[in-house]
Amino acid sequence: MREIRSLKELEVIMKALSNPVRMTIVGSLAREPKHIYALAKELRLSYPLVHLYVESLEKVGLVESTTGGVAPDQRERKYYRAASFRIELTPERLKEMYQEAKQDG
C-alpha cells in the first residue's frame, strides 16, 4: 500500500483527486480493471479525455496498468486498475510533513 511521505506528494495526489471525474474513474477501476475505451463508454466521455485523465492518475500512482487480453481486432489492450492506496490525514501527520519539508528546504 502506498504511503504519502511529503507535503508535495500530498499536494499532487489531492490535486488529482480534486476533479470529480478522476475520482469516478478511480472508483470504477477499483470495481474491475478496464481498458480506456470501455471506461470512456461507461462514463459517456470522449476517449481522448478519459485517456488524459487516466494518464494523470497513473502518473501520480493512483492507477496502474497492465497489457493483456486480445481484442476482437487481434490487438493487445492496456488495462487499468486502481492502485492500492490510503489517504489518512491528521493534524499530527501534517505537522510531521511540514517539519520534514522545513528541514529539507
Foldseek 3Di string as FASTA:
>chain_A
DDDDQAPVLVVLVVVLVVDPVLVVVQVVLQVDKDFQVVVCVVVVHDSVVSVVSQVSCVVSPQKDWDWDDADPVRDITIIMHGDDDDDDDDPVSVVVNVVVVVVVD
